[in-house]
Structure formats: C-alpha cells, structure tokens
Amino acid sequence: PDGSDYRVTMTAMDGPPVPGFHGSVTPGASLKEIWLDIELCKGGTQVNIRPSVDLPPALGSVVANLVTGSDALKGVAINPALKVTFIQGSSFTVTLSPSVKLDDKGVAGAGGSVKVQTPDVTVTGGVNCDPRAKSCMFTIDIGGGAATKNVDCHKKGKQKLVFACEKITHVPAVPEVPEQKRTDTQTRYVFFRHARHEVRKDFRLPTDIQVLNEQGYRVTSIKGFTSPEGPRGSEHAPQFEGNVALAIERAQAARDWLADPKVCAGCDLSGARQSGESELPPEQGRQEPEPKGPGMEHGAVDEFLGKQRTPDPLAPADPAERAKFERMPFGRQREQAYELMRRAAIVLERTQVVRERQPGVPARDEPGAVECSPEVLEAAQKSFGINPPGPFNFGTPGKP
C-alpha cells in the first residue's frame, strides 16, 4: 500500500499433538484357521487383538476381564477367543496367546498362555488341554523384568502455514571516492648581473632550499631569463653572446648552485627540466623585430608593472610599494625592473594526498522483520497459488 517491497516466507508447520482414538483391522487366513488382527490405540493404552478359534472358557474369562478393564476398549464386544497384547503406558505389558491344534478329526488340543511383564519381573502362565482325554496341564514361570514399550497414542496436529514478513529497504550504491592529491608549488629566484651568468651572492639569495627539500618539495624546473637590453642573437659576439644563449647559461648556473651541498645536501635534481627562456618581460620578449630605444624601455617597465596585462611576479604588489615605485624617476624604475628580470626561476613542487581513496559499496537490500499486514498477506497468498485457502490453518505472526 505504501509502495514498499516486502519479502514473505511461507513455512509449513505441524500443529501440537492431540489425544486420539484410532485403529486398524487386518484380516487373514491359512489352511486351518481364520483370524482378524485388530489394533486399537487411545491415549496411553494400546491393545492388539487377534481373534482365532475358541479358547477354554476359564482362560477366555481371564482375557475378557483383563481387556474390558481398559478405557480403550469401551463399547467393543469381547470374544474370548483372542490373542491379546495389552500395554498400559510404560508400566506393564500383558500378552495372552491362545493355541489350538487341529487334525483331521477336529480339535486335538487347545490351550493358551498369559505373560505379564513389568520393568522388574516377568510372569508367564500357561494351560494346555486335551479335550479327548478331558485333561489339562497348567504351567507358570517367573523371570527377570524387561523394559516395556512406551506407548503414545497422540495424533499429529493439523498442519498450518505460517507467514513471516520482512520489509525490504533498498540501500543505494555508494560510488567510489577517488584519491585526491594536491600539488603545492614554491618558486625561488637567483639573480645575475648585467650580461653575466654567475649567481649573485649579494642579492636576494634563497636560504630555504634545504628546508623545502626536507618538507618533500622537489625541483621540477629551472628557467633562465634576461632583461631586454641587448640583442637576442649573437651578432655582437664575441663581446656579447646574445640574450638567448645567456638565458641558457643562467639556467645551468642555477642548477650548479643547487647542486652545492652547502645549498641543498641530498637534493635530487634528476627530474628537473632546464631551459633558457630568453628575454623578459615575456610579451615584449617575443616581439619581432626587436624593440629598441626609449619605446622598448617604457614598454618593458609598463609590462613589468602589469599596466595592460598580468604584472611580473616580482613587481611590487602592495599598493603603497607600487606607488612608491611609480614616484621614482623613470631611470630608477627601469634599473630596478631590469635587475629583477636578470634571473633564473627555480620551481619546486610537492604532491600530497589530501583525501584517501574510499572504495565504492554496491547497492544492497536490507530486510527487516515487520508484522504482516492484510494487504501483504493477500498478495503473498496469491503469489503462492493459495486462493482461496485450502484445508490448512493459516498462521500469521501475532495470531495463535
């Protein structure tokens, strides 16, 4: 009714045993006798009867008196010509057995025996008579006891169907959460004098390369740069090799400086990419033909400050510092900007796992026991093909 899914389990169960009265009749015959085996059971008493030929009246009277004392045989006509095994609970067993001998002239002899058995003692009595000689012989035997049969005449109770209901909760799948990494980047700079490729030890020399290495940073690239004055090519060689070659030499000088154990003992530079990037600022450094003169100088300072595009990473970022820079004479602005362009950039990176991978969880169904509602039971019985109910007692949780 609420759109939920249910799982219903049907179990066939036997009801509790109930006291009963039941029996069976088996006829039989041979060449010289006819008999009828009767088995009766009621409560805790079981009687097996086998009518045959007549017993002597004295023994028949004993049989009749014994059997008629049992509630199991009330209303049953007793014929003295019987073989009787009488069991009362597990307390004692009495067996009466007639014996008849027939010949061509009729009854040649008749007799019988009575056996009473309890857990403590067994008594057997017998009688054999010869009707022709009109004589009888009686015997009695007393022996040790024996365990008696435990009789239970209860009948199996009616079978009933029991329904158990579970409400199914559909738990959706949880997707996998991949590992998430973060790369932290640090850039350090070393500087050079005009037209030189030796690292300056007197100007902004980094002092934390060793610390960064211990924190997991590794050098990934080394890039050499020049200021824009002077030609890019080698047309003034051997006096000046040109800015392209100078940038390459500065990148190599920065690498040699990093390899010094005094700068970074144990630094791994095997993965560092090394390159010469020619002139700064970058936009003007790619212009063709090469800018020259005052126009080149003003354009370089403006690009350094980021007046049209992104400022150089070493340009003054604080508004007060920028204002102070711009109040200086242009010649000083140009020299400060050029001094910061004559550099090599050392890029260090560290990759860290900021979120561990979390495996996905497939969708699943979680059953929970609930009371069977009439609507769910009706649908389940139709699914089981029980419509209308047959000769069963239907049981549901909460009902007797």
Protein backbone atom coordinates (compact mmCIF):
# COMPACT_ATOMS: atom_id res chain seq x y z
CA PRO A 1 0.00 0.00 0.00
CA ASP A 2 2.90 2.40 0.61
CA GLY A 3 4.85 1.33 -2.47
CA SER A 4 7.41 -0.59 -0.43
CA ASP A 5 8.78 -4.03 -1.26
CA TYR A 6 8.18 -6.96 1.07
CA ARG A 7 9.55 -10.50 1.30
CA VAL A 8 7.15 -13.12 2.62
CA THR A 9 8.36 -16.55 3.76
CA MET A 10 5.81 -19.37 3.99
CA THR A 11 6.63 -22.28 6.33
CA ALA A 12 4.50 -25.42 6.78
CA MET A 13 4.42 -26.40 10.46
CA ASP A 14 2.84 -29.33 12.31
CA GLY A 15 0.38 -28.39 14.98
CA PRO A 16 0.74 -29.76 18.53
CA PRO A 17 -0.13 -33.47 19.00
CA VAL A 18 -3.69 -34.09 20.13
CA PRO A 19 -5.04 -37.16 22.03
CA GLY A 20 -6.79 -39.51 19.70
CA PHE A 21 -8.50 -42.86 19.27
CA HIS A 22 -7.55 -44.78 16.16
CA GLY A 23 -7.16 -48.34 15.00
CA SER A 24 -6.76 -50.73 12.13
CA VAL A 25 -8.23 -54.09 11.11
CA THR A 26 -6.27 -56.71 9.11
CA PRO A 27 -7.98 -59.99 8.09
CA GLY A 28 -6.04 -63.19 7.33
CA ALA A 29 -6.49 -66.91 6.78
CA SER A 30 -4.49 -70.11 6.42
CA LEU A 31 -5.34 -73.68 5.59
CA LYS A 32 -6.66 -74.48 9.07
CA GLU A 33 -7.58 -71.18 10.73
CA ILE A 34 -9.12 -67.79 10.09
CA TRP A 35 -8.19 -64.68 12.03
CA LEU A 36 -8.68 -60.92 12.21
CA ASP A 37 -5.91 -58.67 13.63
CA ILE A 38 -7.24 -55.55 15.36
CA GLU A 39 -5.06 -52.71 16.65
CA LEU A 40 -6.59 -50.05 18.88
CA CYS A 41 -4.93 -47.04 20.44
CA LYS A 42 -6.33 -44.41 22.76
CA GLY A 43 -4.37 -42.05 24.95
CA GLY A 44 -1.61 -44.06 26.63
CA THR A 45 -3.17 -47.54 26.10
CA GLN A 46 -2.53 -49.80 23.13
CA VAL A 47 -4.27 -53.14 22.54
CA ASN A 48 -3.54 -55.63 19.78
CA ILE A 49 -6.27 -58.30 19.36
CA ARG A 50 -6.23 -61.39 17.17
CA PRO A 51 -9.43 -63.43 17.22
CA SER A 52 -8.94 -67.10 16.36
CA VAL A 53 -10.56 -70.33 17.43
CA ASP A 54 -12.23 -70.79 20.80
CA LEU A 55 -10.23 -70.79 23.99
CA PRO A 56 -11.16 -72.80 27.01
CA PRO A 57 -13.84 -70.91 28.94
CA ALA A 58 -11.62 -70.41 32.00
CA LEU A 59 -8.85 -68.76 30.03
CA GLY A 60 -11.31 -66.76 27.95
CA SER A 61 -12.83 -65.38 31.11
CA VAL A 62 -9.40 -64.17 32.22
CA VAL A 63 -8.87 -62.45 28.87
CA ALA A 64 -12.28 -60.79 28.92
CA ASN A 65 -11.85 -59.50 32.45
CA LEU A 66 -8.42 -58.08 31.68
CA VAL A 67 -9.27 -56.33 28.42
CA THR A 68 -12.61 -54.88 29.48
CA GLY A 69 -10.81 -53.01 32.24
CA SER A 70 -9.21 -50.71 29.65
CA ASP A 71 -10.86 -47.47 28.57
CA ALA A 72 -9.50 -48.09 25.10
CA LEU A 73 -11.98 -50.94 24.54
CA LYS A 74 -15.17 -49.50 25.98
CA GLY A 75 -18.03 -50.38 23.67
CA VAL A 76 -16.01 -53.12 21.97
CA ALA A 77 -17.51 -56.60 22.05
CA ILE A 78 -15.03 -59.09 23.52
CA ASN A 79 -14.85 -62.60 22.19
CA PRO A 80 -12.93 -64.96 24.49
CA ALA A 81 -11.20 -66.50 21.50
CA LEU A 82 -8.49 -63.83 21.24
CA LYS A 83 -4.78 -63.24 21.18
CA VAL A 84 -4.27 -60.04 23.16
CA THR A 85 -1.24 -57.87 23.78
CA PHE A 86 -2.22 -55.24 26.31
CA ILE A 87 0.14 -52.36 27.04
CA GLN A 88 -0.73 -49.74 29.63
CA GLY A 89 1.63 -46.78 29.33
CA SER A 90 5.14 -47.90 30.18
CA SER A 91 4.24 -49.67 33.43
CA PHE A 92 3.39 -53.23 32.38
CA THR A 93 2.63 -55.47 29.39
CA VAL A 94 0.26 -58.42 29.37
CA THR A 95 0.26 -60.87 26.47
CA LEU A 96 -2.43 -63.54 26.09
CA SER A 97 -1.83 -66.16 23.41
CA PRO A 98 -4.28 -68.97 22.64
CA SER A 99 -3.04 -72.08 20.91
CA VAL A 100 -5.22 -74.55 19.08
CA LYS A 101 -4.20 -77.80 17.50
CA LEU A 102 -6.33 -79.14 14.70
CA ASP A 103 -6.25 -82.50 12.97
CA ASP A 104 -8.46 -84.34 10.53
CA LYS A 105 -10.93 -85.25 13.31
CA GLY A 106 -11.31 -81.73 14.71
CA VAL A 107 -9.79 -80.10 17.74
CA ALA A 108 -6.95 -82.19 19.04
CA GLY A 109 -5.91 -79.81 21.75
CA ALA A 110 -6.37 -76.28 23.00
CA GLY A 111 -4.55 -74.04 25.35
CA GLY A 112 -3.16 -70.67 25.93
CA SER A 113 -0.66 -68.63 27.84
CA VAL A 114 -0.63 -65.40 29.77
CA LYS A 115 2.54 -63.26 30.07
CA VAL A 116 2.74 -60.27 32.38
CA GLN A 117 5.86 -58.13 32.00
CA THR A 118 6.99 -55.14 34.07
CA PRO A 119 10.40 -53.48 34.38
CA ASP A 120 11.06 -55.60 37.49
CA VAL A 121 9.51 -59.04 36.88
CA THR A 122 8.10 -61.22 34.10
CA VAL A 123 5.43 -63.90 34.92
CA THR A 124 4.29 -66.43 32.33
CA GLY A 125 1.39 -68.84 32.91
CA GLY A 126 0.11 -71.43 30.53
CA VAL A 127 -2.61 -74.05 30.15
CA ASN A 128 -2.85 -76.92 27.65
CA CYS A 129 -5.94 -79.15 27.45
CA ASP A 130 -6.74 -82.36 25.61
CA PRO A 131 -10.50 -82.45 25.04
CA ARG A 132 -10.43 -86.11 24.17
CA ALA A 133 -8.61 -87.10 27.30
CA LYS A 134 -10.51 -84.46 29.27
CA SER A 135 -7.30 -83.32 30.96
CA CYS A 136 -5.39 -80.00 31.26
CA MET A 137 -1.87 -79.08 32.38
CA PHE A 138 -1.03 -75.67 33.90
CA THR A 139 2.44 -74.05 33.94
CA ILE A 140 3.82 -70.84 35.49
CA ASP A 141 7.23 -69.24 35.04
CA ILE A 142 8.71 -66.24 36.87
CA GLY A 143 11.74 -64.41 35.46
CA GLY A 144 13.56 -61.08 35.39
CA GLY A 145 11.86 -57.91 34.23
CA ALA A 146 12.32 -56.17 30.89
CA ALA A 147 11.75 -52.68 29.62
CA THR A 148 8.26 -52.17 28.32
CA LYS A 149 7.22 -50.29 25.25
CA ASN A 150 6.47 -46.61 25.73
CA VAL A 151 3.07 -46.03 24.15
CA ASP A 152 1.86 -42.65 22.95
CA CYS A 153 -1.40 -42.66 21.04
CA HIS A 154 -1.46 -38.93 20.34
CA LYS A 155 -2.19 -37.97 16.78
CA LYS A 156 -0.18 -35.36 14.90
CA GLY A 157 -1.93 -32.00 14.95
CA LYS A 158 -3.22 -30.30 11.86
CA GLN A 159 -0.62 -28.74 9.62
CA LYS A 160 -0.71 -24.99 9.26
CA LEU A 161 1.11 -22.39 7.19
CA VAL A 162 2.99 -19.64 8.97
CA PHE A 163 3.86 -16.46 7.10
CA ALA A 164 6.78 -14.23 8.13
CA CYS A 165 7.02 -10.78 6.55
CA GLU A 166 10.08 -8.60 6.01
CA LYS A 167 10.11 -5.08 4.64
CA ILE A 168 12.91 -4.58 2.15
CA THR A 169 14.93 -1.38 2.35
CA HIS A 170 16.78 -0.71 -0.88
CA VAL A 171 20.10 0.85 0.04
CA PRO A 172 21.55 2.65 -2.98
CA ALA A 173 25.10 2.11 -4.14
CA VAL A 174 27.80 4.36 -2.79
CA PRO A 175 30.15 5.42 -5.59
CA GLU A 176 33.86 5.13 -5.19
CA VAL A 177 35.61 8.26 -3.99
CA PRO A 178 38.94 8.51 -5.80
CA GLU A 179 42.11 9.53 -4.12
CA GLN A 180 42.62 13.28 -4.23
CA LYS A 181 46.05 14.82 -4.45
CA ARG A 182 47.20 18.38 -4.18
CA THR A 183 50.38 19.79 -5.66
CA ASP A 184 51.95 22.66 -3.79
CA THR A 185 54.35 24.87 -5.73
CA GLN A 186 57.12 27.10 -4.46
CA THR A 187 59.30 29.29 -6.68
CA ARG A 188 62.67 30.63 -5.68
CA TYR A 189 64.84 33.04 -7.71
CA VAL A 190 68.54 33.58 -8.10
CA PHE A 191 69.82 36.78 -9.79
CA PHE A 192 72.63 37.80 -12.12
CA ARG A 193 74.47 40.96 -13.05
CA HIS A 194 74.10 42.58 -16.46
CA ALA A 195 75.39 40.29 -19.22
CA ARG A 196 76.78 37.81 -16.66
CA HIS A 197 75.81 34.24 -15.76
CA GLU A 198 77.34 33.91 -12.26
CA VAL A 199 74.78 33.69 -9.45
CA ARG A 200 74.82 36.81 -7.31
CA LYS A 201 75.54 36.00 -3.68
CA ASP A 202 74.75 39.55 -2.54
CA PHE A 203 71.16 39.94 -3.80
CA ARG A 204 68.07 38.04 -2.59
CA LEU A 205 69.83 34.68 -2.42
CA PRO A 206 67.36 31.92 -1.26
CA THR A 207 68.23 30.31 2.07
CA ASP A 208 65.41 27.73 2.48
CA ILE A 209 66.08 25.27 -0.36
CA GLN A 210 67.28 22.62 2.12
CA VAL A 211 64.18 23.11 4.31
CA LEU A 212 61.85 22.79 1.35
CA ASN A 213 63.58 19.58 0.30
CA GLU A 214 63.09 18.13 3.79
CA GLN A 215 59.38 19.04 3.56
CA GLY A 216 59.02 16.91 0.45
CA TYR A 217 59.50 19.52 -2.26
CA ARG A 218 61.48 18.55 -5.33
CA VAL A 219 62.97 20.77 -8.02
CA THR A 220 60.91 20.27 -11.19
CA SER A 221 62.20 23.04 -13.47
CA ILE A 222 64.96 25.65 -13.77
CA LYS A 223 64.37 28.52 -16.22
CA GLY A 224 66.91 31.21 -17.18
CA PHE A 225 65.88 34.76 -18.19
CA THR A 226 67.47 38.06 -19.28
CA SER A 227 66.48 41.72 -19.27
CA PRO A 228 65.51 43.19 -22.68
CA GLU A 229 68.52 45.38 -23.35
CA GLY A 230 70.96 43.88 -25.81
CA PRO A 231 70.23 41.73 -28.86
CA ARG A 232 68.74 38.28 -28.60
CA GLY A 233 71.07 36.83 -31.20
CA SER A 234 74.85 36.54 -31.33
CA GLU A 235 75.52 39.38 -33.75
CA HIS A 236 77.71 41.16 -31.17
CA ALA A 237 79.80 38.05 -30.35
CA PRO A 238 82.36 37.53 -29.01
CA GLN A 239 81.79 40.70 -26.94
CA PHE A 240 78.20 39.52 -26.11
CA GLU A 241 76.77 36.10 -26.93
CA GLY A 242 73.17 37.32 -27.07
CA ASN A 243 70.22 37.03 -24.67
CA VAL A 244 69.08 33.61 -25.93
CA ALA A 245 72.42 31.98 -25.13
CA LEU A 246 72.76 33.98 -21.90
CA ALA A 247 69.41 32.68 -20.62
CA ILE A 248 70.57 29.10 -21.20
CA GLU A 249 73.83 29.77 -19.35
CA ARG A 250 71.94 31.27 -16.40
CA ALA A 251 69.72 28.17 -16.11
CA GLN A 252 72.84 25.98 -15.96
CA ALA A 253 74.44 28.29 -13.37
CA ALA A 254 71.34 27.99 -11.17
CA ARG A 255 71.49 24.21 -11.42
CA ASP A 256 75.16 24.19 -10.46
CA TRP A 257 74.34 26.39 -7.47
CA LEU A 258 71.60 23.96 -6.32
CA ALA A 259 73.99 21.02 -6.59
CA ASP A 260 76.29 22.57 -3.99
CA PRO A 261 75.89 20.54 -0.73
CA LYS A 262 76.04 23.81 1.18
CA VAL A 263 72.84 24.90 -0.59
CA CYS A 264 70.90 21.61 -0.52
CA ALA A 265 72.57 18.43 0.68
CA GLY A 266 70.82 15.44 -0.87
CA CYS A 267 68.67 17.41 -3.31
CA ASP A 268 67.56 15.26 -6.24
CA LEU A 269 67.85 17.28 -9.46
CA SER A 270 67.40 14.31 -11.81
CA GLY A 271 63.80 15.27 -12.58
CA ALA A 272 64.44 18.99 -13.06
CA ARG A 273 63.75 20.35 -16.56
CA GLN A 274 66.25 23.03 -17.56
CA SER A 275 65.64 25.70 -20.19
CA GLY A 276 66.61 29.20 -21.34
CA GLU A 277 63.52 31.41 -21.79
CA SER A 278 65.26 34.43 -23.33
CA GLU A 279 64.10 37.98 -22.53
CA LEU A 280 61.67 39.43 -20.02
CA PRO A 281 59.05 40.81 -19.94
CA PRO A 282 57.59 37.91 -21.94
CA GLU A 283 55.24 39.73 -24.36
CA GLN A 284 57.87 42.24 -25.42
CA GLY A 285 60.49 39.47 -25.48
CA ARG A 286 58.56 37.78 -28.33
CA GLN A 287 58.04 40.87 -30.46
CA GLU A 288 59.57 40.99 -33.94
CA PRO A 289 61.51 42.96 -34.89
CA GLU A 290 63.13 43.52 -31.54
CA PRO A 291 62.01 46.74 -29.86
CA LYS A 292 64.81 49.22 -29.21
CA GLY A 293 65.42 52.55 -27.57
CA PRO A 294 63.16 54.51 -25.16
CA GLY A 295 60.00 52.85 -26.52
CA MET A 296 61.38 49.42 -25.62
CA GLU A 297 62.36 50.67 -22.13
CA HIS A 298 58.96 52.21 -21.32
CA GLY A 299 57.15 49.19 -22.70
CA ALA A 300 59.24 46.86 -20.56
CA VAL A 301 58.53 48.80 -17.35
CA ASP A 302 54.81 49.04 -18.10
CA GLU A 303 54.56 45.29 -18.73
CA PHE A 304 56.61 44.61 -15.60
CA LEU A 305 54.05 46.57 -13.55
CA GLY A 306 51.10 44.89 -15.33
CA LYS A 307 49.52 48.05 -16.68
CA GLN A 308 47.89 46.13 -19.56
CA ARG A 309 48.32 42.51 -18.50
CA THR A 310 49.35 40.41 -15.51
CA PRO A 311 52.22 42.01 -13.58
CA ASP A 312 55.56 40.29 -13.18
CA PRO A 313 55.61 38.02 -10.06
CA LEU A 314 58.41 40.21 -8.61
CA ALA A 315 56.72 43.54 -9.28
CA PRO A 316 55.59 45.47 -6.17
CA ALA A 317 52.15 44.13 -5.23
CA ASP A 318 51.40 46.22 -2.17
CA PRO A 319 49.65 49.46 -3.23
CA ALA A 320 51.95 51.56 -1.09
CA GLU A 321 55.05 49.88 -2.52
CA ARG A 322 53.73 50.27 -6.06
CA ALA A 323 53.00 53.93 -5.52
CA LYS A 324 56.49 54.43 -4.12
CA PHE A 325 57.95 52.64 -7.18
CA GLU A 326 55.99 54.80 -9.60
CA ARG A 327 57.10 58.05 -7.85
CA MET A 328 60.73 57.26 -8.61
CA PRO A 329 62.38 58.75 -11.69
CA PHE A 330 61.86 56.54 -14.74
CA GLY A 331 65.58 55.75 -14.94
CA ARG A 332 65.46 54.18 -11.46
CA GLN A 333 62.23 52.37 -12.30
CA ARG A 334 63.92 50.90 -15.38
CA GLU A 335 67.05 49.79 -13.48
CA GLN A 336 65.06 48.17 -10.64
CA ALA A 337 62.82 46.36 -13.10
CA TYR A 338 65.78 45.16 -15.20
CA GLU A 339 67.65 43.98 -12.10
CA LEU A 340 64.73 41.71 -11.17
CA MET A 341 64.43 40.40 -14.76
CA ARG A 342 68.03 39.13 -14.82
CA ARG A 343 67.21 35.89 -13.02
CA ALA A 344 66.64 32.15 -13.03
CA ALA A 345 63.41 30.73 -11.65
CA ILE A 346 63.69 27.51 -9.59
CA VAL A 347 60.31 25.75 -9.36
CA LEU A 348 59.81 23.21 -6.54
CA GLU A 349 56.72 21.03 -6.21
CA ARG A 350 55.30 18.74 -3.54
CA THR A 351 52.38 16.35 -4.15
CA GLN A 352 50.34 15.33 -1.13
CA VAL A 353 47.33 13.05 -0.69
CA VAL A 354 44.62 15.22 0.84
CA ARG A 355 41.87 12.59 0.61
CA GLU A 356 42.34 8.85 0.71
CA ARG A 357 40.55 6.63 -1.78
CA GLN A 358 37.27 5.28 -0.47
CA PRO A 359 36.03 2.11 -2.21
CA GLY A 360 32.51 2.05 -3.53
CA VAL A 361 29.75 0.00 -1.95
CA PRO A 362 27.30 -1.87 -4.24
CA ALA A 363 23.59 -1.43 -3.85
CA ARG A 364 22.01 -3.88 -1.45
CA ASP A 365 18.68 -4.88 0.09
CA GLU A 366 18.28 -4.89 3.84
CA PRO A 367 15.29 -6.90 5.13
CA GLY A 368 13.68 -6.07 8.45
CA ALA A 369 11.02 -8.13 10.22
CA VAL A 370 7.59 -6.48 10.34
CA GLU A 371 4.06 -7.57 11.14
CA CYS A 372 2.26 -8.96 8.11
CA SER A 373 -0.46 -6.57 7.00
CA PRO A 374 -3.63 -8.00 5.42
CA GLU A 375 -2.73 -6.45 2.06
CA VAL A 376 0.73 -8.04 2.03
CA LEU A 377 -0.66 -11.44 3.10
CA GLU A 378 -3.31 -11.36 0.40
CA ALA A 379 -0.73 -10.57 -2.28
CA ALA A 380 1.64 -13.25 -0.96
CA GLN A 381 -1.04 -15.96 -0.85
CA LYS A 382 -1.96 -15.22 -4.46
CA SER A 383 1.71 -15.46 -5.41
CA PHE A 384 1.96 -18.84 -3.65
CA GLY A 385 -1.15 -20.03 -5.50
CA ILE A 386 -3.28 -20.15 -2.35
CA ASN A 387 -6.57 -18.62 -3.50
CA PRO A 388 -8.94 -19.47 -1.96
CA PRO A 389 -7.23 -21.16 1.01
CA GLY A 390 -7.23 -24.93 1.04
CA PRO A 391 -7.60 -27.30 4.02
CA PHE A 392 -4.92 -25.55 6.02
CA ASN A 393 -4.95 -23.28 9.05
CA PHE A 394 -3.14 -20.09 8.05
CA GLY A 395 -0.92 -18.66 10.77
CA THR A 396 0.46 -15.12 10.81
CA PRO A 397 2.77 -13.55 13.35
CA GLY A 398 0.82 -12.34 16.31
CA LYS A 399 -2.04 -14.86 15.82
CA PRO A 400 -2.36 -18.11 17.75
